[in-house]
PDB file of N, CA and C in Angstrom:
ATOM      1  N   MET A   1      -1.812 -38.433 -49.500  1.00  0.00           N
ATOM      2  CA  MET A   1      -1.388 -39.045 -48.243  1.00  0.00           C
ATOM      3  C   MET A   1      -2.395 -38.661 -47.221  1.00  0.00           C
ATOM      4  N   SER A   2      -2.663 -39.653 -46.322  1.00  0.00           N
ATOM      5  CA  SER A   2      -3.720 -39.422 -45.252  1.00  0.00           C
ATOM      6  C   SER A   2      -3.089 -38.401 -44.155  1.00  0.00           C
ATOM      7  N   VAL A   3      -3.966 -37.929 -43.449  1.00  0.00           N
ATOM      8  CA  VAL A   3      -3.585 -36.876 -42.328  1.00  0.00           C
ATOM      9  C   VAL A   3      -2.772 -37.679 -41.396  1.00  0.00           C
ATOM     10  N   ALA A   4      -3.108 -39.062 -40.916  1.00  0.00           N
ATOM     11  CA  ALA A   4      -2.339 -39.723 -40.087  1.00  0.00           C
ATOM     12  C   ALA A   4      -1.014 -40.090 -40.622  1.00  0.00           C
ATOM     13  N   LYS A   5      -0.895 -40.359 -41.773  1.00  0.00           N
ATOM     14  CA  LYS A   5       0.369 -40.818 -42.402  1.00  0.00           C
ATOM     15  C   LYS A   5       1.297 -39.542 -42.476  1.00  0.00           C
ATOM     16  N   THR A   6       0.803 -38.379 -42.778  1.00  0.00           N
ATOM     17  CA  THR A   6       1.468 -37.080 -42.929  1.00  0.00           C
ATOM     18  C   THR A   6       2.018 -36.799 -41.446  1.00  0.00           C
ATOM     19  N   LYS A   7       1.307 -36.968 -40.411  1.00  0.00           N
ATOM     20  CA  LYS A   7       1.779 -36.712 -39.071  1.00  0.00           C
ATOM     21  C   LYS A   7       2.846 -37.585 -38.673  1.00  0.00           C
ATOM     22  N   ALA A   8       2.563 -38.983 -38.972  1.00  0.00           N
ATOM     23  CA  ALA A   8       3.688 -40.034 -38.773  1.00  0.00           C
ATOM     24  C   ALA A   8       5.033 -39.666 -39.332  1.00  0.00           C
ATOM     25  N   VAL A   9       4.930 -39.254 -40.639  1.00  0.00           N
ATOM     26  CA  VAL A   9       6.169 -38.921 -41.352  1.00  0.00           C
ATOM     27  C   VAL A   9       6.860 -37.865 -40.624  1.00  0.00           C
ATOM     28  N   LYS A  10       6.193 -36.770 -40.309  1.00  0.00           N
ATOM     29  CA  LYS A  10       6.771 -35.624 -39.653  1.00  0.00           C
ATOM     30  C   LYS A  10       7.406 -35.953 -38.279  1.00  0.00           C
ATOM     31  N   LEU A  11       6.766 -36.812 -37.644  1.00  0.00           N
ATOM     32  CA  LEU A  11       7.399 -37.287 -36.292  1.00  0.00           C
ATOM     33  C   LEU A  11       8.577 -38.068 -36.527  1.00  0.00           C
ATOM     34  N   LEU A  12       8.479 -39.093 -37.450  1.00  0.00           N
ATOM     35  CA  LEU A  12       9.665 -39.944 -37.812  1.00  0.00           C
ATOM     36  C   LEU A  12      10.848 -39.133 -38.347  1.00  0.00           C
ATOM     37  N   GLU A  13      10.557 -38.243 -39.211  1.00  0.00           N
ATOM     38  CA  GLU A  13      11.653 -37.365 -39.671  1.00  0.00           C
ATOM     39  C   GLU A  13      12.287 -36.517 -38.713  1.00  0.00           C
ATOM     40  N   THR A  14      11.373 -35.999 -37.670  1.00  0.00           N
ATOM     41  CA  THR A  14      11.943 -35.112 -36.677  1.00  0.00           C
ATOM     42  C   THR A  14      12.903 -36.000 -35.703  1.00  0.00           C
ATOM     43  N   ALA A  15      12.366 -37.207 -35.312  1.00  0.00           N
ATOM     44  CA  ALA A  15      13.149 -38.038 -34.448  1.00  0.00           C
ATOM     45  C   ALA A  15      14.393 -38.444 -35.144  1.00  0.00           C
ATOM     46  N   LYS A  16      14.459 -38.830 -36.342  1.00  0.00           N
ATOM     47  CA  LYS A  16      15.607 -39.183 -37.113  1.00  0.00           C
ATOM     48  C   LYS A  16      16.679 -38.063 -37.063  1.00  0.00           C
ATOM     49  N   LYS A  17      16.183 -36.817 -37.365  1.00  0.00           N
ATOM     50  CA  LYS A  17      17.000 -35.632 -37.367  1.00  0.00           C
ATOM     51  C   LYS A  17      17.714 -35.369 -36.012  1.00  0.00           C
ATOM     52  N   LEU A  18      16.994 -35.619 -34.965  1.00  0.00           N
ATOM     53  CA  LEU A  18      17.386 -35.496 -33.627  1.00  0.00           C
ATOM     54  C   LEU A  18      18.248 -36.706 -33.029  1.00  0.00           C
ATOM     55  N   GLY A  19      18.168 -37.780 -33.741  1.00  0.00           N
ATOM     56  CA  GLY A  19      18.830 -39.098 -33.181  1.00  0.00           C
ATOM     57  C   GLY A  19      18.014 -39.922 -32.266  1.00  0.00           C
ATOM     58  N   TRP A  20      16.716 -39.792 -32.288  1.00  0.00           N
ATOM     59  CA  TRP A  20      15.895 -40.559 -31.414  1.00  0.00           C
ATOM     60  C   TRP A  20      15.449 -41.914 -32.242  1.00  0.00           C
ATOM     61  N   ASP A  21      15.363 -42.934 -31.450  1.00  0.00           N
ATOM     62  CA  ASP A  21      14.661 -44.178 -31.935  1.00  0.00           C
ATOM     63  C   ASP A  21      13.290 -44.162 -31.496  1.00  0.00           C
ATOM     64  N   VAL A  22      12.334 -44.634 -32.315  1.00  0.00           N
ATOM     65  CA  VAL A  22      10.831 -44.507 -32.140  1.00  0.00           C
ATOM     66  C   VAL A  22      10.343 -46.034 -32.155  1.00  0.00           C
ATOM     67  N   ASN A  23       9.441 -46.147 -31.164  1.00  0.00           N
ATOM     68  CA  ASN A  23       8.632 -47.448 -31.146  1.00  0.00           C
ATOM     69  C   ASN A  23       7.231 -47.212 -30.730  1.00  0.00           C
ATOM     70  N   ALA A  24       6.415 -47.510 -31.633  1.00  0.00           N
ATOM     71  CA  ALA A  24       4.886 -47.350 -31.297  1.00  0.00           C
ATOM     72  C   ALA A  24       4.427 -48.806 -31.166  1.00  0.00           C
ATOM     73  N   THR A  25       3.936 -49.058 -29.874  1.00  0.00           N
ATOM     74  CA  THR A  25       3.424 -50.380 -29.516  1.00  0.00           C
ATOM     75  C   THR A  25       1.999 -50.603 -29.756  1.00  0.00           C
ATOM     76  N   SER A  26       1.583 -51.793 -29.775  1.00  0.00           N
ATOM     77  CA  SER A  26       0.100 -52.177 -30.032  1.00  0.00           C
ATOM     78  C   SER A  26      -0.074 -53.293 -29.056  1.00  0.00           C
ATOM     79  N   PRO A  27      -1.181 -53.593 -28.373  1.00  0.00           N
ATOM     80  CA  PRO A  27      -2.338 -52.899 -28.575  1.00  0.00           C
ATOM     81  C   PRO A  27      -2.464 -51.787 -27.484  1.00  0.00           C
ATOM     82  N   ASP A  28      -1.416 -51.473 -26.730  1.00  0.00           N
ATOM     83  CA  ASP A  28      -1.483 -50.409 -25.637  1.00  0.00           C
ATOM     84  C   ASP A  28      -1.422 -49.035 -26.157  1.00  0.00           C
ATOM     85  N   GLY A  29      -0.986 -48.851 -27.329  1.00  0.00           N
ATOM     86  CA  GLY A  29      -1.059 -47.535 -27.888  1.00  0.00           C
ATOM     87  C   GLY A  29      -0.079 -46.539 -27.196  1.00  0.00           C
ATOM     88  N   ILE A  30       1.101 -47.032 -26.995  1.00  0.00           N
ATOM     89  CA  ILE A  30       2.203 -46.280 -26.350  1.00  0.00           C
ATOM     90  C   ILE A  30       3.244 -45.944 -27.236  1.00  0.00           C
ATOM     91  N   LEU A  31       3.594 -44.658 -27.348  1.00  0.00           N
ATOM     92  CA  LEU A  31       4.703 -44.123 -28.205  1.00  0.00           C
ATOM     93  C   LEU A  31       6.044 -44.130 -27.228  1.00  0.00           C
ATOM     94  N   ARG A  32       7.140 -44.858 -27.569  1.00  0.00           N
ATOM     95  CA  ARG A  32       8.215 -44.837 -26.798  1.00  0.00           C
ATOM     96  C   ARG A  32       9.351 -44.157 -27.666  1.00  0.00           C
ATOM     97  N   ILE A  33      10.109 -43.316 -27.135  1.00  0.00           N
ATOM     98  CA  ILE A  33      11.319 -42.831 -27.814  1.00  0.00           C
ATOM     99  C   ILE A  33      12.548 -42.947 -26.970  1.00  0.00           C
ATOM    100  N   THR A  34      13.611 -43.267 -27.568  1.00  0.00           N
ATOM    101  CA  THR A  34      14.887 -43.625 -26.788  1.00  0.00           C
ATOM    102  C   THR A  34      15.941 -42.950 -27.555  1.00  0.00           C
ATOM    103  N   LYS A  35      17.040 -42.430 -26.706  1.00  0.00           N
ATOM    104  CA  LYS A  35      18.270 -41.918 -27.379  1.00  0.00           C
ATOM    105  C   LYS A  35      19.384 -42.203 -26.420  1.00  0.00           C
ATOM    106  N   HIS A  36      20.429 -42.716 -26.944  1.00  0.00           N
ATOM    107  CA  HIS A  36      21.633 -43.122 -26.265  1.00  0.00           C
ATOM    108  C   HIS A  36      22.681 -41.877 -26.326  1.00  0.00           C
ATOM    109  N   PHE A  37      23.234 -41.741 -25.057  1.00  0.00           N
ATOM    110  CA  PHE A  37      24.251 -40.710 -24.982  1.00  0.00           C
ATOM    111  C   PHE A  37      25.408 -41.244 -24.076  1.00  0.00           C
ATOM    112  N   THR A  38      26.525 -40.444 -24.023  1.00  0.00           N
ATOM    113  CA  THR A  38      27.699 -40.884 -23.227  1.00  0.00           C
ATOM    114  C   THR A  38      27.300 -40.928 -21.702  1.00  0.00           C
ATOM    115  N   ALA A  39      27.386 -42.147 -21.099  1.00  0.00           N
ATOM    116  CA  ALA A  39      27.013 -42.312 -19.711  1.00  0.00           C
ATOM    117  C   ALA A  39      27.809 -41.337 -18.727  1.00  0.00           C
ATOM    118  N   GLY A  40      27.109 -40.722 -17.927  1.00  0.00           N
ATOM    119  CA  GLY A  40      27.743 -39.760 -17.096  1.00  0.00           C
ATOM    120  C   GLY A  40      27.733 -38.421 -17.583  1.00  0.00           C
ATOM    121  N   SER A  41      27.441 -38.070 -18.823  1.00  0.00           N
ATOM    122  CA  SER A  41      27.483 -36.738 -19.436  1.00  0.00           C
ATOM    123  C   SER A  41      26.275 -36.020 -19.113  1.00  0.00           C
ATOM    124  N   MET A  42      26.397 -35.065 -18.129  1.00  0.00           N
ATOM    125  CA  MET A  42      25.231 -34.230 -17.753  1.00  0.00           C
ATOM    126  C   MET A  42      24.879 -33.283 -18.980  1.00  0.00           C
ATOM    127  N   GLU A  43      25.883 -32.872 -19.687  1.00  0.00           N
ATOM    128  CA  GLU A  43      25.590 -31.969 -20.822  1.00  0.00           C
ATOM    129  C   GLU A  43      24.644 -32.753 -21.905  1.00  0.00           C
ATOM    130  N   GLU A  44      25.041 -33.959 -22.277  1.00  0.00           N
ATOM    131  CA  GLU A  44      24.277 -34.697 -23.208  1.00  0.00           C
ATOM    132  C   GLU A  44      22.824 -35.052 -22.711  1.00  0.00           C
ATOM    133  N   PHE A  45      22.830 -35.334 -21.297  1.00  0.00           N
ATOM    134  CA  PHE A  45      21.491 -35.589 -20.778  1.00  0.00           C
ATOM    135  C   PHE A  45      20.664 -34.490 -20.951  1.00  0.00           C
ATOM    136  N   VAL A  46      21.058 -33.311 -20.459  1.00  0.00           N
ATOM    137  CA  VAL A  46      20.277 -32.065 -20.637  1.00  0.00           C
ATOM    138  C   VAL A  46      19.852 -31.813 -22.067  1.00  0.00           C
ATOM    139  N   GLU A  47      20.661 -32.091 -22.975  1.00  0.00           N
ATOM    140  CA  GLU A  47      20.377 -32.000 -24.396  1.00  0.00           C
ATOM    141  C   GLU A  47      19.056 -32.891 -24.732  1.00  0.00           C
ATOM    142  N   CYS A  48      19.197 -34.142 -24.112  1.00  0.00           N
ATOM    143  CA  CYS A  48      18.078 -34.961 -24.446  1.00  0.00           C
ATOM    144  C   CYS A  48      16.712 -34.432 -23.789  1.00  0.00           C
ATOM    145  N   ASP A  49      16.947 -33.992 -22.511  1.00  0.00           N
ATOM    146  CA  ASP A  49      15.832 -33.480 -21.755  1.00  0.00           C
ATOM    147  C   ASP A  49      15.216 -32.252 -22.354  1.00  0.00           C
ATOM    148  N   MET A  50      16.008 -31.552 -23.234  1.00  0.00           N
ATOM    149  CA  MET A  50      15.352 -30.374 -23.887  1.00  0.00           C
ATOM    150  C   MET A  50      14.791 -30.820 -25.289  1.00  0.00           C
ATOM    151  N   GLU A  51      15.103 -31.968 -25.843  1.00  0.00           N
ATOM    152  CA  GLU A  51      14.661 -32.305 -27.139  1.00  0.00           C
ATOM    153  C   GLU A  51      13.478 -33.177 -27.072  1.00  0.00           C
ATOM    154  N   TYR A  52      13.261 -34.049 -26.107  1.00  0.00           N
ATOM    155  CA  TYR A  52      12.305 -35.153 -26.292  1.00  0.00           C
ATOM    156  C   TYR A  52      10.934 -34.622 -26.595  1.00  0.00           C
ATOM    157  N   TYR A  53      10.550 -33.487 -26.004  1.00  0.00           N
ATOM    158  CA  TYR A  53       9.006 -32.942 -26.099  1.00  0.00           C
ATOM    159  C   TYR A  53       8.844 -32.653 -27.552  1.00  0.00           C
ATOM    160  N   GLU A  54       9.883 -32.189 -28.362  1.00  0.00           N
ATOM    161  CA  GLU A  54       9.792 -31.837 -29.744  1.00  0.00           C
ATOM    162  C   GLU A  54       9.162 -33.038 -30.523  1.00  0.00           C
ATOM    163  N   VAL A  55       9.647 -34.295 -30.240  1.00  0.00           N
ATOM    164  CA  VAL A  55       9.200 -35.385 -30.923  1.00  0.00           C
ATOM    165  C   VAL A  55       7.850 -35.864 -30.315  1.00  0.00           C
ATOM    166  N   LEU A  56       7.652 -35.999 -29.008  1.00  0.00           N
ATOM    167  CA  LEU A  56       6.428 -36.352 -28.399  1.00  0.00           C
ATOM    168  C   LEU A  56       5.257 -35.556 -28.804  1.00  0.00           C
ATOM    169  N   SER A  57       5.467 -34.232 -28.938  1.00  0.00           N
ATOM    170  CA  SER A  57       4.457 -33.338 -29.189  1.00  0.00           C
ATOM    171  C   SER A  57       3.828 -33.534 -30.561  1.00  0.00           C
ATOM    172  N   LEU A  58       4.464 -34.198 -31.447  1.00  0.00           N
ATOM    173  CA  LEU A  58       4.048 -34.374 -32.769  1.00  0.00           C
ATOM    174  C   LEU A  58       2.995 -35.574 -32.950  1.00  0.00           C
ATOM    175  N   LEU A  59       2.830 -36.269 -31.757  1.00  0.00           N
ATOM    176  CA  LEU A  59       1.743 -37.344 -31.752  1.00  0.00           C
ATOM    177  C   LEU A  59       0.435 -36.708 -31.087  1.00  0.00           C
ATOM    178  N   PRO A  60      -0.613 -36.510 -31.888  1.00  0.00           N
ATOM    179  CA  PRO A  60      -1.756 -35.929 -31.305  1.00  0.00           C
ATOM    180  C   PRO A  60      -2.348 -36.821 -30.262  1.00  0.00           C
ATOM    181  N   SER A  61      -2.935 -35.992 -29.356  1.00  0.00           N
ATOM    182  CA  SER A  61      -3.648 -36.874 -28.276  1.00  0.00           C
ATOM    183  C   SER A  61      -5.068 -36.841 -28.594  1.00  0.00           C
ATOM    184  N   THR A  62      -5.676 -38.036 -28.505  1.00  0.00           N
ATOM    185  CA  THR A  62      -7.075 -38.252 -28.814  1.00  0.00           C
ATOM    186  C   THR A  62      -7.811 -38.815 -27.679  1.00  0.00           C
ATOM    187  N   GLU A  63      -7.156 -39.122 -26.502  1.00  0.00           N
ATOM    188  CA  GLU A  63      -7.854 -39.515 -25.317  1.00  0.00           C
ATOM    189  C   GLU A  63      -6.970 -39.187 -24.138  1.00  0.00           C
ATOM    190  N   PRO A  64      -7.433 -39.295 -22.898  1.00  0.00           N
ATOM    191  CA  PRO A  64      -6.525 -39.047 -21.810  1.00  0.00           C
ATOM    192  C   PRO A  64      -5.403 -39.957 -21.720  1.00  0.00           C
ATOM    193  N   GLY A  65      -4.218 -39.392 -21.357  1.00  0.00           N
ATOM    194  CA  GLY A  65      -2.982 -40.202 -21.276  1.00  0.00           C
ATOM    195  C   GLY A  65      -1.923 -39.321 -20.559  1.00  0.00           C
ATOM    196  N   SER A  66      -0.785 -39.843 -20.611  1.00  0.00           N
ATOM    197  CA  SER A  66       0.348 -39.149 -19.899  1.00  0.00           C
ATOM    198  C   SER A  66       1.697 -39.229 -20.608  1.00  0.00           C
ATOM    199  N   VAL A  67       2.612 -38.482 -20.046  1.00  0.00           N
ATOM    200  CA  VAL A  67       4.003 -38.634 -20.538  1.00  0.00           C
ATOM    201  C   VAL A  67       4.837 -38.947 -19.390  1.00  0.00           C
ATOM    202  N   TRP A  68       5.717 -39.937 -19.574  1.00  0.00           N
ATOM    203  CA  TRP A  68       6.591 -40.410 -18.455  1.00  0.00           C
ATOM    204  C   TRP A  68       7.908 -40.851 -18.937  1.00  0.00           C
ATOM    205  N   GLY A  69       8.928 -40.950 -18.147  1.00  0.00           N
ATOM    206  CA  GLY A  69      10.278 -41.399 -18.596  1.00  0.00           C
ATOM    207  C   GLY A  69      11.358 -41.086 -17.659  1.00  0.00           C
ATOM    208  N   THR A  70      12.525 -40.918 -18.305  1.00  0.00           N
ATOM    209  CA  THR A  70      13.815 -40.634 -17.435  1.00  0.00           C
ATOM    210  C   THR A  70      14.233 -39.001 -17.698  1.00  0.00           C
ATOM    211  N   ASP A  71      13.155 -38.224 -17.676  1.00  0.00           N
ATOM    212  CA  ASP A  71      13.486 -36.824 -17.760  1.00  0.00           C
ATOM    213  C   ASP A  71      13.968 -36.207 -16.579  1.00  0.00           C
ATOM    214  N   GLY A  72      14.431 -34.942 -16.467  1.00  0.00           N
ATOM    215  CA  GLY A  72      15.069 -34.364 -15.356  1.00  0.00           C
ATOM    216  C   GLY A  72      14.121 -34.131 -14.282  1.00  0.00           C
ATOM    217  N   GLY A  73      12.822 -34.290 -14.430  1.00  0.00           N
ATOM    218  CA  GLY A  73      11.850 -34.030 -13.407  1.00  0.00           C
ATOM    219  C   GLY A  73      11.648 -35.026 -12.364  1.00  0.00           C
ATOM    220  N   GLY A  74      12.412 -36.166 -12.372  1.00  0.00           N
ATOM    221  CA  GLY A  74      12.213 -37.293 -11.438  1.00  0.00           C
ATOM    222  C   GLY A  74      13.376 -38.173 -11.188  1.00  0.00           C
ATOM    223  N   VAL A  75      13.278 -39.228 -10.362  1.00  0.00           N
ATOM    224  CA  VAL A  75      14.287 -40.007 -10.084  1.00  0.00           C
ATOM    225  C   VAL A  75      14.922 -40.877 -11.277  1.00  0.00           C
ATOM    226  N   GLY A  76      14.154 -40.971 -12.305  1.00  0.00           N
ATOM    227  CA  GLY A  76      14.602 -41.736 -13.479  1.00  0.00           C
ATOM    228  C   GLY A  76      15.835 -41.001 -14.176  1.00  0.00           C
ATOM    229  N   ALA A  77      15.894 -39.753 -13.876  1.00  0.00           N
ATOM    230  CA  ALA A  77      17.152 -39.067 -14.375  1.00  0.00           C
ATOM    231  C   ALA A  77      18.480 -39.660 -13.864  1.00  0.00           C
ATOM    232  N   ILE A  78      18.403 -40.122 -12.642  1.00  0.00           N
ATOM    233  CA  ILE A  78      19.620 -40.671 -12.175  1.00  0.00           C
ATOM    234  C   ILE A  78      20.018 -41.829 -12.937  1.00  0.00           C
ATOM    235  N   GLY A  79      19.045 -42.761 -13.146  1.00  0.00           N
ATOM    236  CA  GLY A  79      19.307 -44.005 -13.872  1.00  0.00           C
ATOM    237  C   GLY A  79      19.733 -43.685 -15.335  1.00  0.00           C
ATOM    238  N   ALA A  80      19.194 -42.648 -16.029  1.00  0.00           N
ATOM    239  CA  ALA A  80      19.489 -42.244 -17.382  1.00  0.00           C
ATOM    240  C   ALA A  80      20.927 -41.732 -17.383  1.00  0.00           C
ATOM    241  N   ILE A  81      21.363 -40.892 -16.517  1.00  0.00           N
ATOM    242  CA  ILE A  81      22.576 -40.388 -16.491  1.00  0.00           C
ATOM    243  C   ILE A  81      23.638 -41.385 -16.263  1.00  0.00           C
ATOM    244  N   LYS A  82      23.397 -42.450 -15.329  1.00  0.00           N
ATOM    245  CA  LYS A  82      24.296 -43.552 -15.154  1.00  0.00           C
ATOM    246  C   LYS A  82      24.448 -44.524 -16.318  1.00  0.00           C
ATOM    247  N   SER A  83      23.218 -44.759 -17.045  1.00  0.00           N
ATOM    248  CA  SER A  83      23.337 -45.680 -18.130  1.00  0.00           C
ATOM    249  C   SER A  83      23.599 -45.107 -19.548  1.00  0.00           C
ATOM    250  N   GLY A  84      23.232 -43.823 -19.626  1.00  0.00           N
ATOM    251  CA  GLY A  84      23.369 -43.299 -20.951  1.00  0.00           C
ATOM    252  C   GLY A  84      22.262 -43.481 -21.789  1.00  0.00           C
ATOM    253  N   VAL A  85      21.052 -43.830 -21.328  1.00  0.00           N
ATOM    254  CA  VAL A  85      19.912 -44.185 -22.140  1.00  0.00           C
ATOM    255  C   VAL A  85      18.787 -43.286 -21.541  1.00  0.00           C
ATOM    256  N   PHE A  86      18.245 -42.402 -22.458  1.00  0.00           N
ATOM    257  CA  PHE A  86      17.205 -41.417 -22.124  1.00  0.00           C
ATOM    258  C   PHE A  86      15.947 -42.069 -22.763  1.00  0.00           C
ATOM    259  N   GLN A  87      14.879 -42.313 -22.059  1.00  0.00           N
ATOM    260  CA  GLN A  87      13.744 -42.918 -22.685  1.00  0.00           C
ATOM    261  C   GLN A  87      12.405 -42.120 -22.098  1.00  0.00           C
ATOM    262  N   MET A  88      11.501 -41.881 -23.070  1.00  0.00           N
ATOM    263  CA  MET A  88      10.245 -41.201 -22.664  1.00  0.00           C
ATOM    264  C   MET A  88       9.127 -41.898 -23.468  1.00  0.00           C
ATOM    265  N   SER A  89       7.976 -41.921 -22.742  1.00  0.00           N
ATOM    266  CA  SER A  89       6.843 -42.575 -23.341  1.00  0.00           C
ATOM    267  C   SER A  89       5.537 -41.666 -23.287  1.00  0.00           C
ATOM    268  N   LYS A  90       4.661 -41.956 -24.195  1.00  0.00           N
ATOM    269  CA  LYS A  90       3.511 -41.141 -24.195  1.00  0.00           C
ATOM    270  C   LYS A  90       2.215 -42.063 -24.547  1.00  0.00           C
ATOM    271  N   SER A  91       1.172 -41.882 -23.677  1.00  0.00           N
ATOM    272  CA  SER A  91       0.028 -42.686 -23.871  1.00  0.00           C
ATOM    273  C   SER A  91      -1.159 -41.688 -24.303  1.00  0.00           C
ATOM    274  N   GLY A  92      -2.261 -42.191 -24.911  1.00  0.00           N
ATOM    275  CA  GLY A  92      -3.391 -41.354 -25.131  1.00  0.00           C
ATOM    276  C   GLY A  92      -3.279 -40.793 -26.619  1.00  0.00           C
ATOM    277  N   GLY A  93      -2.265 -41.305 -27.290  1.00  0.00           N
ATOM    278  CA  GLY A  93      -2.069 -40.674 -28.710  1.00  0.00           C
ATOM    279  C   GLY A  93      -3.006 -41.347 -29.720  1.00  0.00           C
ATOM    280  N   SER A  94      -3.070 -40.691 -30.912  1.00  0.00           N
ATOM    281  CA  SER A  94      -3.946 -41.133 -32.022  1.00  0.00           C
ATOM    282  C   SER A  94      -3.412 -42.578 -32.435  1.00  0.00           C
ATOM    283  N   LYS A  95      -4.475 -43.364 -32.345  1.00  0.00           N
ATOM    284  CA  LYS A  95      -4.152 -44.767 -32.811  1.00  0.00           C
ATOM    285  C   LYS A  95      -3.800 -44.859 -34.272  1.00  0.00           C
ATOM    286  N   ARG A  96      -4.366 -43.988 -35.054  1.00  0.00           N
ATOM    287  CA  ARG A  96      -4.145 -44.005 -36.470  1.00  0.00           C
ATOM    288  C   ARG A  96      -2.743 -43.509 -36.766  1.00  0.00           C
ATOM    289  N   VAL A  97      -2.317 -42.524 -36.102  1.00  0.00           N
ATOM    290  CA  VAL A  97      -0.888 -42.082 -36.262  1.00  0.00           C
ATOM    291  C   VAL A  97      -0.001 -43.149 -35.808  1.00  0.00           C
ATOM    292  N   LEU A  98      -0.311 -43.769 -34.665  1.00  0.00           N
ATOM    293  CA  LEU A  98       0.638 -44.682 -34.179  1.00  0.00           C
ATOM    294  C   LEU A  98       0.696 -46.073 -35.096  1.00  0.00           C
ATOM    295  N   SER A  99      -0.325 -46.300 -35.653  1.00  0.00           N
ATOM    296  CA  SER A  99      -0.408 -47.329 -36.708  1.00  0.00           C
ATOM    297  C   SER A  99       0.405 -47.019 -37.877  1.00  0.00           C
ATOM    298  N   ALA A 100       0.344 -45.746 -38.389  1.00  0.00           N
ATOM    299  CA  ALA A 100       1.037 -45.280 -39.496  1.00  0.00           C
ATOM    300  C   ALA A 100       2.643 -45.287 -39.090  1.00  0.00           C
ATOM    301  N   ILE A 101       2.972 -44.938 -37.935  1.00  0.00           N
ATOM    302  CA  ILE A 101       4.373 -44.926 -37.373  1.00  0.00           C
ATOM    303  C   ILE A 101       4.899 -46.391 -37.591  1.00  0.00           C
ATOM    304  N   ARG A 102       4.161 -47.412 -37.060  1.00  0.00           N
ATOM    305  CA  ARG A 102       4.600 -48.816 -37.106  1.00  0.00           C
ATOM    306  C   ARG A 102       4.803 -49.169 -38.512  1.00  0.00           C
ATOM    307  N   LYS A 103       3.928 -48.849 -39.396  1.00  0.00           N
ATOM    308  CA  LYS A 103       4.087 -49.316 -40.830  1.00  0.00           C
ATOM    309  C   LYS A 103       5.244 -48.509 -41.603  1.00  0.00           C
ATOM    310  N   LEU A 104       5.568 -47.262 -41.288  1.00  0.00           N
ATOM    311  CA  LEU A 104       6.545 -46.521 -41.864  1.00  0.00           C
ATOM    312  C   LEU A 104       7.993 -46.552 -41.289  1.00  0.00           C
ATOM    313  N   LYS A 105       7.990 -46.959 -39.963  1.00  0.00           N
ATOM    314  CA  LYS A 105       9.270 -46.928 -39.126  1.00  0.00           C
ATOM    315  C   LYS A 105      10.461 -47.480 -39.941  1.00  0.00           C
ATOM    316  N   SER A 106      10.426 -48.586 -40.632  1.00  0.00           N
ATOM    317  CA  SER A 106      11.576 -49.158 -41.257  1.00  0.00           C
ATOM    318  C   SER A 106      12.196 -48.274 -42.248  1.00  0.00           C
ATOM    319  N   ALA A 107      11.349 -47.397 -42.878  1.00  0.00           N
ATOM    320  CA  ALA A 107      12.025 -46.495 -43.762  1.00  0.00           C
ATOM    321  C   ALA A 107      12.936 -45.243 -43.128  1.00  0.00           C
ATOM    322  N   TYR A 108      12.671 -45.225 -41.702  1.00  0.00           N
ATOM    323  CA  TYR A 108      13.447 -44.070 -41.139  1.00  0.00           C
ATOM    324  C   TYR A 108      14.426 -44.693 -40.132  1.00  0.00           C
ATOM    325  N   VAL A 109      14.838 -45.903 -40.209  1.00  0.00           N
ATOM    326  CA  VAL A 109      15.849 -46.449 -39.371  1.00  0.00           C
ATOM    327  C   VAL A 109      17.291 -46.039 -39.867  1.00  0.00           C
TER     328      VAL A 109
END
């Protein structure tokens, strides 16, 4: 198994274990993860806020990029708490790993 495929499998397995949906888009090379929770539940929101980096950190960075979304560090948190949808994105990740995620994702749904 290639290094990229091994890293993709680890990311997908971790996301599945924690209840996150994974979407690797092309050609922009962005990894998006989403988790639904009970709208209005601050406890569940905080759980998501503590978990997301465990998944995103498994995508190696190969170029400049950033991480953004509905975490507790910005105004997106208000929308996440009201809607019950926590979403984070990461750019600058390995295109090979992102490609492997797209190919393998259906096995982890």
